[in-house]
Amino acid sequence: MSNKITAGLDGSGADTASADWAAEEAELRGAGLELLHVEDWPEYAPFALPLPEARRRWTDDLLADTRKRLERAHPALAVHTRRIDGRPVSDALAAAAAEAELLVLGSRRLGAVAGFLVGSTGSDTLPRTETPVVLVRAAPPTGATAGRKGDGGPVVLAVDLRSNCDRLFAFACEEAHRRSCPLVVVHGWSPPPVLSYAPALDPGVGQEIADGLEATLRELLSPWRSKYPRLAIDPRPVIGRPAVQILEAATDAEIVVVGRRVRRAALGSHIGPITHAVMHHATSPVAVVAHD
């Protein structure tokens, strides 16, 4: 793995914010930035296929223009470009991600209710790589800058206490440390229906569950507090629908970190429902980190 961040460009306009975010992240990490475009033009009717020369020129212009813009904004940043052929695009992006610290992709805004569209390329790439993938939102219609907020918001980490969260803790702690901002660790837990009437029978049941979750979470965080003694870590075990609780905590986040369990089987879901919901509805950049 080289000391670089790779940002995928598709020319749709959704990748402007993601390229900006990737450049700032590369500066924070002291890494280089690679701008990557994967050519995947339709070959058959009814889609029109540009001539090879026009296709190549369009791609070169996209990469060159983005590189010049970022070099003006970040004079000390080493920016490189690469154009590769790949079908499917997701396989090509995954191969490029294996050589990078981070893969950054853009997503489009759908609306206040629908959230954001993580296209098929992003959704197909995630299961194919164990490199962290960051999804950055397109700029809002008002013209305000999307992506990094820079207003002192926290890094928000969503964890499942039943999983091995070491990769998630390592990534989130380092992101918060780089930004000198707090780390909020959220574990949302929905009680099974059998317990739905328990609080009415014993008002202390809910508090007892919450106390147990907090104790477990604090124990898991103990070694990370030792490793990052100056990092403010705020554990938040909450009872309720996990996705809702995470999105609420992430309202003003610098970045939201969620997990994706590594599955070796070809069949079955590779992105859990909570991660899927956060990917499509969080307004902040979302980092998806693979874990065992």
C-alpha atoms as a PDB file:
ATOM      1  CA  MET A   1       0.000   0.000   0.000  1.00  0.00           C
ATOM      2  CA  SER A   2       1.459   3.391  -1.006  1.00  0.00           C
ATOM      3  CA  ASN A   3       1.095   6.663   0.876  1.00  0.00           C
ATOM      4  CA  LYS A   4      -1.717   8.048  -1.254  1.00  0.00           C
ATOM      5  CA  ILE A   5      -5.434   8.645  -1.412  1.00  0.00           C
ATOM      6  CA  THR A   6      -7.319   7.727  -4.575  1.00  0.00           C
ATOM      7  CA  ALA A   7     -10.359   9.734  -5.656  1.00  0.00           C
ATOM      8  CA  GLY A   8     -12.563   8.313  -8.398  1.00  0.00           C
ATOM      9  CA  LEU A   9     -13.900  10.805 -10.956  1.00  0.00           C
ATOM     10  CA  ASP A  10     -16.776  10.144 -13.327  1.00  0.00           C
ATOM     11  CA  GLY A  11     -17.436  13.642 -14.652  1.00  0.00           C
ATOM     12  CA  SER A  12     -20.998  13.703 -13.352  1.00  0.00           C
ATOM     13  CA  GLY A  13     -20.516  16.776 -11.175  1.00  0.00           C
ATOM     14  CA  ALA A  14     -20.990  14.750  -8.010  1.00  0.00           C
ATOM     15  CA  ASP A  15     -17.243  14.202  -7.808  1.00  0.00           C
ATOM     16  CA  THR A  16     -16.291  17.874  -7.340  1.00  0.00           C
ATOM     17  CA  ALA A  17     -16.955  17.758  -3.605  1.00  0.00           C
ATOM     18  CA  SER A  18     -15.330  14.338  -3.273  1.00  0.00           C
ATOM     19  CA  ALA A  19     -12.147  15.523  -5.008  1.00  0.00           C
ATOM     20  CA  ASP A  20     -11.994  18.565  -2.712  1.00  0.00           C
ATOM     21  CA  TRP A  21     -12.496  16.363   0.344  1.00  0.00           C
ATOM     22  CA  ALA A  22      -9.837  13.912  -0.829  1.00  0.00           C
ATOM     23  CA  ALA A  23      -7.333  16.735  -1.312  1.00  0.00           C
ATOM     24  CA  GLU A  24      -7.878  18.036   2.210  1.00  0.00           C
ATOM     25  CA  GLU A  25      -7.661  14.528   3.635  1.00  0.00           C
ATOM     26  CA  ALA A  26      -4.410  13.897   1.760  1.00  0.00           C
ATOM     27  CA  GLU A  27      -2.945  17.061   3.267  1.00  0.00           C
ATOM     28  CA  LEU A  28      -4.002  15.968   6.746  1.00  0.00           C
ATOM     29  CA  ARG A  29      -2.323  12.590   6.245  1.00  0.00           C
ATOM     30  CA  GLY A  30       0.773  13.939   4.510  1.00  0.00           C
ATOM     31  CA  ALA A  31      -0.124  11.722   1.557  1.00  0.00           C
ATOM     32  CA  GLY A  32      -0.275  12.176  -2.181  1.00  0.00           C
ATOM     33  CA  LEU A  33      -3.526  12.351  -4.145  1.00  0.00           C
ATOM     34  CA  GLU A  34      -4.361  10.242  -7.178  1.00  0.00           C
ATOM     35  CA  LEU A  35      -7.257  11.286  -9.407  1.00  0.00           C
ATOM     36  CA  LEU A  36      -8.584   8.235 -11.210  1.00  0.00           C
ATOM     37  CA  HIS A  37     -11.041   7.812 -14.050  1.00  0.00           C
ATOM     38  CA  VAL A  38     -12.143   4.377 -15.220  1.00  0.00           C
ATOM     39  CA  GLU A  39     -13.349   4.304 -18.801  1.00  0.00           C
ATOM     40  CA  ASP A  40     -16.485   2.244 -19.176  1.00  0.00           C
ATOM     41  CA  TRP A  41     -18.270   3.601 -22.209  1.00  0.00           C
ATOM     42  CA  PRO A  42     -21.184   1.631 -23.718  1.00  0.00           C
ATOM     43  CA  GLU A  43     -20.191  -0.375 -26.768  1.00  0.00           C
ATOM     44  CA  TYR A  44     -23.553  -1.132 -28.295  1.00  0.00           C
ATOM     45  CA  ALA A  45     -26.745   0.668 -29.352  1.00  0.00           C
ATOM     46  CA  PRO A  46     -28.957   2.303 -28.259  1.00  0.00           C
ATOM     47  CA  PHE A  47     -26.174   4.188 -26.437  1.00  0.00           C
ATOM     48  CA  ALA A  48     -23.921   6.460 -28.442  1.00  0.00           C
ATOM     49  CA  LEU A  49     -20.225   5.667 -28.265  1.00  0.00           C
ATOM     50  CA  PRO A  50     -17.823   8.586 -28.647  1.00  0.00           C
ATOM     51  CA  LEU A  51     -14.935   8.120 -31.019  1.00  0.00           C
ATOM     52  CA  PRO A  52     -11.789   6.893 -29.261  1.00  0.00           C
ATOM     53  CA  GLU A  53     -10.073  10.268 -29.761  1.00  0.00           C
ATOM     54  CA  ALA A  54     -13.013  12.210 -28.343  1.00  0.00           C
ATOM     55  CA  ARG A  55     -13.363   9.792 -25.453  1.00  0.00           C
ATOM     56  CA  ARG A  56      -9.698  10.071 -24.603  1.00  0.00           C
ATOM     57  CA  ARG A  57      -9.760  13.862 -24.885  1.00  0.00           C
ATOM     58  CA  TRP A  58     -12.818  14.135 -22.615  1.00  0.00           C
ATOM     59  CA  THR A  59     -11.163  11.973 -19.961  1.00  0.00           C
ATOM     60  CA  ASP A  60      -7.856  13.836 -20.188  1.00  0.00           C
ATOM     61  CA  ASP A  61      -9.644  17.178 -19.843  1.00  0.00           C
ATOM     62  CA  LEU A  62     -11.593  15.970 -16.811  1.00  0.00           C
ATOM     63  CA  LEU A  63      -8.454  14.790 -15.047  1.00  0.00           C
ATOM     64  CA  ALA A  64      -6.320  17.774 -16.058  1.00  0.00           C
ATOM     65  CA  ASP A  65      -8.918  20.396 -15.090  1.00  0.00           C
ATOM     66  CA  THR A  66      -9.524  18.783 -11.701  1.00  0.00           C
ATOM     67  CA  ARG A  67      -5.799  18.483 -11.065  1.00  0.00           C
ATOM     68  CA  LYS A  68      -5.157  22.154 -11.903  1.00  0.00           C
ATOM     69  CA  ARG A  69      -8.009  23.294  -9.669  1.00  0.00           C
ATOM     70  CA  LEU A  70      -6.757  21.257  -6.720  1.00  0.00           C
ATOM     71  CA  GLU A  71      -3.130  22.298  -7.212  1.00  0.00           C
ATOM     72  CA  ARG A  72      -4.201  25.951  -7.081  1.00  0.00           C
ATOM     73  CA  ALA A  73      -6.043  25.333  -3.815  1.00  0.00           C
ATOM     74  CA  HIS A  74      -3.335  23.056  -2.359  1.00  0.00           C
ATOM     75  CA  PRO A  75       0.062  24.159  -3.740  1.00  0.00           C
ATOM     76  CA  ALA A  76       2.053  21.767  -1.543  1.00  0.00           C
ATOM     77  CA  LEU A  77      -0.014  18.700  -2.452  1.00  0.00           C
ATOM     78  CA  ALA A  78       1.342  16.168  -4.929  1.00  0.00           C
ATOM     79  CA  VAL A  79      -1.527  15.409  -7.322  1.00  0.00           C
ATOM     80  CA  HIS A  80      -1.281  12.679  -9.962  1.00  0.00           C
ATOM     81  CA  THR A  81      -3.801  11.470 -12.522  1.00  0.00           C
ATOM     82  CA  ARG A  82      -4.489   8.067 -14.015  1.00  0.00           C
ATOM     83  CA  ARG A  83      -6.868   6.780 -16.662  1.00  0.00           C
ATOM     84  CA  ILE A  84      -7.558   3.072 -16.873  1.00  0.00           C
ATOM     85  CA  ASP A  85      -9.888   0.816 -18.818  1.00  0.00           C
ATOM     86  CA  GLY A  86     -12.080  -1.413 -16.746  1.00  0.00           C
ATOM     87  CA  ARG A  87     -15.248  -3.409 -17.060  1.00  0.00           C
ATOM     88  CA  PRO A  88     -16.849  -3.537 -14.642  1.00  0.00           C
ATOM     89  CA  VAL A  89     -15.775  -0.202 -13.132  1.00  0.00           C
ATOM     90  CA  SER A  90     -16.146  -1.553  -9.595  1.00  0.00           C
ATOM     91  CA  ASP A  91     -13.425  -4.150 -10.182  1.00  0.00           C
ATOM     92  CA  ALA A  92     -11.069  -1.501 -11.528  1.00  0.00           C
ATOM     93  CA  LEU A  93     -11.758   0.801  -8.574  1.00  0.00           C
ATOM     94  CA  ALA A  94     -11.237  -2.030  -6.104  1.00  0.00           C
ATOM     95  CA  ALA A  95      -7.890  -2.871  -7.697  1.00  0.00           C
ATOM     96  CA  ALA A  96      -6.845   0.777  -7.440  1.00  0.00           C
ATOM     97  CA  ALA A  97      -8.037   0.941  -3.822  1.00  0.00           C
ATOM     98  CA  ALA A  98      -5.740  -1.960  -2.905  1.00  0.00           C
ATOM     99  CA  GLU A  99      -2.802   0.354  -3.657  1.00  0.00           C
ATOM    100  CA  ALA A 100      -4.138   3.263  -1.570  1.00  0.00           C
ATOM    101  CA  GLU A 101      -4.849   4.216   2.037  1.00  0.00           C
ATOM    102  CA  LEU A 102      -8.322   5.406   1.145  1.00  0.00           C
ATOM    103  CA  LEU A 103     -10.735   5.392  -1.791  1.00  0.00           C
ATOM    104  CA  VAL A 104     -12.979   8.460  -2.108  1.00  0.00           C
ATOM    105  CA  LEU A 105     -16.144   8.485  -4.224  1.00  0.00           C
ATOM    106  CA  GLY A 106     -18.943  10.988  -4.723  1.00  0.00           C
ATOM    107  CA  SER A 107     -22.694  10.593  -4.296  1.00  0.00           C
ATOM    108  CA  ARG A 108     -25.639  12.633  -5.529  1.00  0.00           C
ATOM    109  CA  ARG A 109     -28.311  14.436  -3.570  1.00  0.00           C
ATOM    110  CA  LEU A 110     -31.844  13.053  -3.986  1.00  0.00           C
ATOM    111  CA  GLY A 111     -33.741  15.336  -1.629  1.00  0.00           C
ATOM    112  CA  ALA A 112     -34.497  15.927   2.030  1.00  0.00           C
ATOM    113  CA  VAL A 113     -36.556  12.765   2.366  1.00  0.00           C
ATOM    114  CA  ALA A 114     -34.869  10.412  -0.079  1.00  0.00           C
ATOM    115  CA  GLY A 115     -31.378  11.382   1.070  1.00  0.00           C
ATOM    116  CA  PHE A 116     -28.428  10.659  -1.226  1.00  0.00           C
ATOM    117  CA  LEU A 117     -27.874   8.265  -4.075  1.00  0.00           C
ATOM    118  CA  VAL A 118     -24.918   5.938  -3.697  1.00  0.00           C
ATOM    119  CA  GLY A 119     -24.753   4.750  -7.282  1.00  0.00           C
ATOM    120  CA  SER A 120     -24.254   1.203  -8.455  1.00  0.00           C
ATOM    121  CA  THR A 121     -20.530   1.834  -8.899  1.00  0.00           C
ATOM    122  CA  GLY A 122     -20.080   2.756  -5.232  1.00  0.00           C
ATOM    123  CA  SER A 123     -22.347  -0.007  -3.970  1.00  0.00           C
ATOM    124  CA  ASP A 124     -20.605  -2.604  -6.144  1.00  0.00           C
ATOM    125  CA  THR A 125     -17.110  -1.427  -5.198  1.00  0.00           C
ATOM    126  CA  LEU A 126     -17.579  -1.618  -1.421  1.00  0.00           C
ATOM    127  CA  PRO A 127     -17.801  -5.437  -1.180  1.00  0.00           C
ATOM    128  CA  ARG A 128     -14.781  -5.808  -3.465  1.00  0.00           C
ATOM    129  CA  THR A 129     -12.235  -3.975  -1.334  1.00  0.00           C
ATOM    130  CA  GLU A 130     -11.060  -3.984   2.265  1.00  0.00           C
ATOM    131  CA  THR A 131      -9.586  -0.507   1.847  1.00  0.00           C
ATOM    132  CA  PRO A 132     -11.749   2.098   3.635  1.00  0.00           C
ATOM    133  CA  VAL A 133     -14.105   3.853   1.215  1.00  0.00           C
ATOM    134  CA  VAL A 134     -15.363   7.382   1.882  1.00  0.00           C
ATOM    135  CA  LEU A 135     -18.574   8.588   0.229  1.00  0.00           C
ATOM    136  CA  VAL A 136     -18.739  12.377  -0.065  1.00  0.00           C
ATOM    137  CA  ARG A 137     -21.954  14.217  -0.781  1.00  0.00           C
ATOM    138  CA  ALA A 138     -22.434  16.503  -3.756  1.00  0.00           C
ATOM    139  CA  ALA A 139     -22.557  20.199  -2.958  1.00  0.00           C
ATOM    140  CA  PRO A 140     -26.042  21.440  -1.972  1.00  0.00           C
ATOM    141  CA  PRO A 141     -27.998  23.613  -4.427  1.00  0.00           C
ATOM    142  CA  THR A 142     -27.225  26.754  -2.398  1.00  0.00           C
ATOM    143  CA  GLY A 143     -23.607  26.485  -3.479  1.00  0.00           C
ATOM    144  CA  ALA A 144     -22.312  25.918   0.034  1.00  0.00           C
ATOM    145  CA  THR A 145     -19.276  23.708   0.291  1.00  0.00           C
ATOM    146  CA  ALA A 146     -20.118  20.057   0.864  1.00  0.00           C
ATOM    147  CA  GLY A 147     -17.879  17.479   2.432  1.00  0.00           C
ATOM    148  CA  ARG A 148     -15.610  18.732   5.196  1.00  0.00           C
ATOM    149  CA  LYS A 149     -17.437  21.119   7.503  1.00  0.00           C
ATOM    150  CA  GLY A 150     -14.447  22.458   9.418  1.00  0.00           C
ATOM    151  CA  ASP A 151     -16.671  23.837  12.189  1.00  0.00           C
ATOM    152  CA  GLY A 152     -15.348  21.723  15.037  1.00  0.00           C
ATOM    153  CA  GLY A 153     -17.913  18.936  14.736  1.00  0.00           C
ATOM    154  CA  PRO A 154     -17.010  15.466  15.982  1.00  0.00           C
ATOM    155  CA  VAL A 155     -16.046  12.282  14.247  1.00  0.00           C
ATOM    156  CA  VAL A 156     -18.962   9.905  14.795  1.00  0.00           C
ATOM    157  CA  LEU A 157     -18.326   6.175  14.978  1.00  0.00           C
ATOM    158  CA  ALA A 158     -21.106   3.577  14.859  1.00  0.00           C
ATOM    159  CA  VAL A 159     -20.246   0.234  16.460  1.00  0.00           C
ATOM    160  CA  ASP A 160     -21.904  -3.115  17.009  1.00  0.00           C
ATOM    161  CA  LEU A 161     -20.704  -4.515  20.333  1.00  0.00           C
ATOM    162  CA  ARG A 162     -21.152  -8.048  19.008  1.00  0.00           C
ATOM    163  CA  SER A 163     -18.497  -7.534  16.327  1.00  0.00           C
ATOM    164  CA  ASN A 164     -14.742  -7.101  16.322  1.00  0.00           C
ATOM    165  CA  CYS A 165     -14.501  -3.322  16.142  1.00  0.00           C
ATOM    166  CA  ASP A 166     -10.717  -2.858  16.271  1.00  0.00           C
ATOM    167  CA  ARG A 167     -10.431  -1.647  12.650  1.00  0.00           C
ATOM    168  CA  LEU A 168     -13.263   0.791  13.210  1.00  0.00           C
ATOM    169  CA  PHE A 169     -11.780   2.137  16.448  1.00  0.00           C
ATOM    170  CA  ALA A 170      -8.343   2.509  14.843  1.00  0.00           C
ATOM    171  CA  PHE A 171      -9.701   4.396  11.826  1.00  0.00           C
ATOM    172  CA  ALA A 172     -12.041   6.672  13.791  1.00  0.00           C
ATOM    173  CA  CYS A 173      -9.512   7.506  16.520  1.00  0.00           C
ATOM    174  CA  GLU A 174      -6.907   8.451  13.935  1.00  0.00           C
ATOM    175  CA  GLU A 175      -9.393  10.613  12.013  1.00  0.00           C
ATOM    176  CA  ALA A 176     -10.420  12.459  15.192  1.00  0.00           C
ATOM    177  CA  HIS A 177      -6.770  12.802  16.255  1.00  0.00           C
ATOM    178  CA  ARG A 178      -5.817  14.384  12.909  1.00  0.00           C
ATOM    179  CA  ARG A 179      -8.662  16.870  13.153  1.00  0.00           C
ATOM    180  CA  SER A 180      -8.181  17.603  16.887  1.00  0.00           C
ATOM    181  CA  CYS A 181     -11.896  17.040  17.371  1.00  0.00           C
ATOM    182  CA  PRO A 182     -13.945  14.808  19.717  1.00  0.00           C
ATOM    183  CA  LEU A 183     -14.874  11.235  18.893  1.00  0.00           C
ATOM    184  CA  VAL A 184     -18.485  10.223  19.530  1.00  0.00           C
ATOM    185  CA  VAL A 185     -18.992   6.455  19.694  1.00  0.00           C
ATOM    186  CA  VAL A 186     -22.602   5.372  19.197  1.00  0.00           C
ATOM    187  CA  HIS A 187     -24.031   1.941  19.862  1.00  0.00           C
ATOM    188  CA  GLY A 188     -27.747   1.727  19.211  1.00  0.00           C
ATOM    189  CA  TRP A 189     -29.696  -1.220  20.545  1.00  0.00           C
ATOM    190  CA  SER A 190     -33.313  -2.119  19.871  1.00  0.00           C
ATOM    191  CA  PRO A 191     -34.850  -4.324  22.593  1.00  0.00           C
ATOM    192  CA  PRO A 192     -36.627  -7.456  21.347  1.00  0.00           C
ATOM    193  CA  PRO A 193     -40.437  -7.345  21.404  1.00  0.00           C
ATOM    194  CA  VAL A 194     -40.557  -9.623  24.435  1.00  0.00           C
ATOM    195  CA  LEU A 195     -39.076  -6.803  26.507  1.00  0.00           C
ATOM    196  CA  SER A 196     -41.391  -4.108  25.211  1.00  0.00           C
ATOM    197  CA  TYR A 197     -43.574  -4.260  28.328  1.00  0.00           C
ATOM    198  CA  ALA A 198     -40.735  -4.787  30.797  1.00  0.00           C
ATOM    199  CA  PRO A 199     -40.250  -1.105  31.713  1.00  0.00           C
ATOM    200  CA  ALA A 200     -43.906  -0.919  32.748  1.00  0.00           C
ATOM    201  CA  LEU A 201     -43.319  -3.836  35.121  1.00  0.00           C
ATOM    202  CA  ASP A 202     -39.986  -2.577  36.385  1.00  0.00           C
ATOM    203  CA  PRO A 203     -38.925   1.025  35.646  1.00  0.00           C
ATOM    204  CA  GLY A 204     -35.300   0.062  36.256  1.00  0.00           C
ATOM    205  CA  VAL A 205     -35.077  -2.447  33.417  1.00  0.00           C
ATOM    206  CA  GLY A 206     -34.276   0.134  30.737  1.00  0.00           C
ATOM    207  CA  GLN A 207     -31.647   1.823  32.891  1.00  0.00           C
ATOM    208  CA  GLU A 208     -30.085  -1.515  33.774  1.00  0.00           C
ATOM    209  CA  ILE A 209     -29.730  -2.383  30.090  1.00  0.00           C
ATOM    210  CA  ALA A 210     -28.254   1.035  29.321  1.00  0.00           C
ATOM    211  CA  ASP A 211     -25.758   0.746  32.190  1.00  0.00           C
ATOM    212  CA  GLY A 212     -24.645  -2.674  30.960  1.00  0.00           C
ATOM    213  CA  LEU A 213     -24.131  -1.387  27.413  1.00  0.00           C
ATOM    214  CA  GLU A 214     -22.174   1.604  28.653  1.00  0.00           C
ATOM    215  CA  ALA A 215     -19.905  -0.588  30.792  1.00  0.00           C
ATOM    216  CA  THR A 216     -19.174  -2.846  27.815  1.00  0.00           C
ATOM    217  CA  LEU A 217     -18.516   0.115  25.540  1.00  0.00           C
ATOM    218  CA  ARG A 218     -16.195   1.790  28.028  1.00  0.00           C
ATOM    219  CA  GLU A 219     -14.246  -1.447  28.424  1.00  0.00           C
ATOM    220  CA  LEU A 220     -13.777  -1.717  24.650  1.00  0.00           C
ATOM    221  CA  LEU A 221     -12.651   1.914  24.506  1.00  0.00           C
ATOM    222  CA  SER A 222     -10.172   1.625  27.367  1.00  0.00           C
ATOM    223  CA  PRO A 223      -7.107   0.668  25.249  1.00  0.00           C
ATOM    224  CA  TRP A 224      -7.911   3.397  22.736  1.00  0.00           C
ATOM    225  CA  ARG A 225      -8.105   6.012  25.486  1.00  0.00           C
ATOM    226  CA  SER A 226      -4.633   4.888  26.553  1.00  0.00           C
ATOM    227  CA  LYS A 227      -3.313   5.104  22.992  1.00  0.00           C
ATOM    228  CA  TYR A 228      -4.884   8.545  22.418  1.00  0.00           C
ATOM    229  CA  PRO A 229      -4.781  10.166  25.882  1.00  0.00           C
ATOM    230  CA  ARG A 230      -5.548  13.669  24.567  1.00  0.00           C
ATOM    231  CA  LEU A 231      -8.513  12.559  22.484  1.00  0.00           C
ATOM    232  CA  ALA A 232     -11.950  13.368  23.907  1.00  0.00           C
ATOM    233  CA  ILE A 233     -14.053  10.216  23.513  1.00  0.00           C
ATOM    234  CA  ASP A 234     -17.789  10.353  24.207  1.00  0.00           C
ATOM    235  CA  PRO A 235     -19.405   6.886  24.431  1.00  0.00           C
ATOM    236  CA  ARG A 236     -23.149   6.925  23.721  1.00  0.00           C
ATOM    237  CA  PRO A 237     -24.974   3.621  24.193  1.00  0.00           C
ATOM    238  CA  VAL A 238     -28.572   4.339  23.274  1.00  0.00           C
ATOM    239  CA  ILE A 239     -31.711   2.246  23.181  1.00  0.00           C
ATOM    240  CA  GLY A 240     -33.677   2.726  19.998  1.00  0.00           C
ATOM    241  CA  ARG A 241     -33.382   2.124  16.282  1.00  0.00           C
ATOM    242  CA  PRO A 242     -29.623   2.155  15.628  1.00  0.00           C
ATOM    243  CA  ALA A 243     -29.705   3.906  12.228  1.00  0.00           C
ATOM    244  CA  VAL A 244     -31.883   6.718  13.582  1.00  0.00           C
ATOM    245  CA  GLN A 245     -29.637   7.197  16.612  1.00  0.00           C
ATOM    246  CA  ILE A 246     -26.484   7.273  14.470  1.00  0.00           C
ATOM    247  CA  LEU A 247     -27.940   9.766  11.995  1.00  0.00           C
ATOM    248  CA  GLU A 248     -29.085  12.003  14.830  1.00  0.00           C
ATOM    249  CA  ALA A 249     -25.610  11.988  16.398  1.00  0.00           C
ATOM    250  CA  ALA A 250     -24.032  12.646  13.000  1.00  0.00           C
ATOM    251  CA  THR A 251     -25.956  15.837  12.225  1.00  0.00           C
ATOM    252  CA  ASP A 252     -22.898  18.083  12.555  1.00  0.00           C
ATOM    253  CA  ALA A 253     -20.172  15.446  12.144  1.00  0.00           C
ATOM    254  CA  GLU A 254     -16.908  15.971  10.299  1.00  0.00           C
ATOM    255  CA  ILE A 255     -17.129  12.368   9.151  1.00  0.00           C
ATOM    256  CA  VAL A 256     -19.269   9.335  10.057  1.00  0.00           C
ATOM    257  CA  VAL A 257     -17.541   5.956  10.352  1.00  0.00           C
ATOM    258  CA  VAL A 258     -19.540   2.760   9.874  1.00  0.00           C
ATOM    259  CA  GLY A 259     -18.546  -0.868   9.473  1.00  0.00           C
ATOM    260  CA  ARG A 260     -19.003  -3.492   6.802  1.00  0.00           C
ATOM    261  CA  ARG A 261     -18.499  -7.098   7.781  1.00  0.00           C
ATOM    262  CA  VAL A 262     -16.130  -8.941   5.439  1.00  0.00           C
ATOM    263  CA  ARG A 263     -17.971 -11.815   3.798  1.00  0.00           C
ATOM    264  CA  ARG A 264     -16.052 -14.415   1.831  1.00  0.00           C
ATOM    265  CA  ALA A 265     -19.192 -15.965   0.303  1.00  0.00           C
ATOM    266  CA  ALA A 266     -20.203 -14.696  -3.113  1.00  0.00           C
ATOM    267  CA  LEU A 267     -23.895 -14.673  -2.246  1.00  0.00           C
ATOM    268  CA  GLY A 268     -25.732 -12.712   0.411  1.00  0.00           C
ATOM    269  CA  SER A 269     -25.712  -9.090   1.514  1.00  0.00           C
ATOM    270  CA  HIS A 270     -22.299  -7.518   1.980  1.00  0.00           C
ATOM    271  CA  ILE A 271     -23.570  -4.230   3.414  1.00  0.00           C
ATOM    272  CA  GLY A 272     -25.771  -4.390   6.505  1.00  0.00           C
ATOM    273  CA  PRO A 273     -29.044  -2.448   6.764  1.00  0.00           C
ATOM    274  CA  ILE A 274     -27.703   0.067   9.307  1.00  0.00           C
ATOM    275  CA  THR A 275     -24.640   0.902   7.232  1.00  0.00           C
ATOM    276  CA  HIS A 276     -26.852   1.075   4.138  1.00  0.00           C
ATOM    277  CA  ALA A 277     -29.184   3.577   5.832  1.00  0.00           C
ATOM    278  CA  VAL A 278     -26.327   5.779   7.036  1.00  0.00           C
ATOM    279  CA  MET A 279     -24.690   5.720   3.588  1.00  0.00           C
ATOM    280  CA  HIS A 280     -27.870   7.014   1.968  1.00  0.00           C
ATOM    281  CA  HIS A 281     -29.045   9.529   4.566  1.00  0.00           C
ATOM    282  CA  ALA A 282     -26.086  11.050   6.438  1.00  0.00           C
ATOM    283  CA  THR A 283     -25.228  14.539   5.200  1.00  0.00           C
ATOM    284  CA  SER A 284     -21.589  14.267   6.287  1.00  0.00           C
ATOM    285  CA  PRO A 285     -18.957  12.202   4.486  1.00  0.00           C
ATOM    286  CA  VAL A 286     -19.367   8.506   5.360  1.00  0.00           C
ATOM    287  CA  ALA A 287     -16.384   6.178   5.751  1.00  0.00           C
ATOM    288  CA  VAL A 288     -17.175   2.498   5.317  1.00  0.00           C
ATOM    289  CA  VAL A 289     -14.535   0.345   7.009  1.00  0.00           C
ATOM    290  CA  ALA A 290     -14.365  -3.409   6.432  1.00  0.00           C
ATOM    291  CA  HIS A 291     -13.978  -5.559   9.534  1.00  0.00           C
ATOM    292  CA  ASP A 292     -14.093  -9.237  10.546  1.00  0.00           C
END
